[in-house]
Amino acid sequence: MTDTLSVAADAASPPAPAAMSRFRPGLLVRDPGGLHDESAFPSAVTTAFAFLGDSTLDFGNLSEAAAFLGEPAPFRQKRYAGGGKVKASDGFVLGEQIVRQLGAGSRSSPARLRSAELINLSDQPLRQGLRGKDPNAQVFNFAYAGATSGRRGSDLAGLRNFDIGLRRQASTLASAARFLPRGSDLDVIISAGSNDIFDFLESNRDPITRVLVTPGGSDNRRLANKVASRIVGNIDAALDSITGLYDEAVVFGPAPLSDIPIIRSLSNDFKDKVPLLGGSLRSEFRSFVNQISASVNRRLDRKYNSSTRNGIFAVDGIEAWKSVRSPGFVDSIHPDSRTNGRLASNAVTQIANAAGFDSFGL
């Protein structure tokens, strides 16, 4: 099963084009069918989005891959029915909410969600030049639920052997870019890293416990920063691999993950393992998890928001989460559609206030 997906994905990905400056706007690609008139799109106006990342953006790729491999649908339970049983939501995922809200101010804005296409890593149309896909699609979705920031899926989700991570998705976008319309203003939306954190917490309980029980917080910070550094490094490598193919990119930092039900459940395990320190150790664990989230957000902010010329903006996931009162979840990990909508509102505000961002979703 693993080999089938990997071979199909590899066959779908010709060599990536040579890297170009991030500062150069627009897609330098060929219009294979002559279907698009550059004059139809004003310059510096978003005409298409590429989603790269995890379940916060995926509205069907993982489900399509599961069907391709003859596996049960991953979101077949009734609580996902509002999302068509193909995504981790009871309605719109965060990426859909963002794109819908970006165009809310104008009925004619090209940022309004009109049509979208899934780009499954084993998709035959990709190998044939995206034939069979809507050439006027606004969103080309490369994201996979369960993706890590690297090349693989999440171990905790049982996807460790699948080549569906952010960096794999970025290489697929690079190979697909030449088939997108000439003159497009492609913007990129990335959300990845939370699955890396979940995997780290699940597979390193003993080392984490040793760090938590030692006095002082220096070792906590060191370990949190190590995890965060790897995530941000993967995100930056993914962006580097699609240099020159997009106009502007938005990267979403993780929420304070101690609010996520699965983290609260994991924290209870620390009480069971160390009865005498149960309460305090559980609290220490939740604080440590938030340290990782905060470190990722800080690193993304320093890397991308300190310059107004790199065409990349990092949304502070912690700030967005604080704007939501009484967040709801559809399962132990994923916010419901109402919560996604409120997170999107704050994210759009952050994007609108970003210095140097003059065309994202406008």
Foldseek 3Di string as FASTA:
>chain_A
DLVVQVVLLVLLFDFFDDFDALLDFDAPADAPPPPDDLVVDDPLAAQAEEEFAAQLQDLAQQQVVCVVVVHPQPQQDPLCVCSVSRGFANHHRLNLLLLCVLCVVDPPGSSHQDAEAEDHSNDPCSSVLVPVHDLRHRYYYLYYHQAALAQWGAVVVVTRSHRRHRLSSLSSCSRNLNSHDHNHAYEYEYEHHPSLLVRCCVPCVPVVLVQLPDPDCPSLLVVLLVSLVVNVVSNVVSCRSCHNRHRAYEYEQAELCLPFQVLLVSLQVQCVVDVVCNPVSSVSSSVSSSSNSVSNLVVQCVVPQVDLRSRYYYQNNHVLQVQDDPWDGSDRGHTYPVSSNSSSVSRSVVQVPRHNSDHVSD
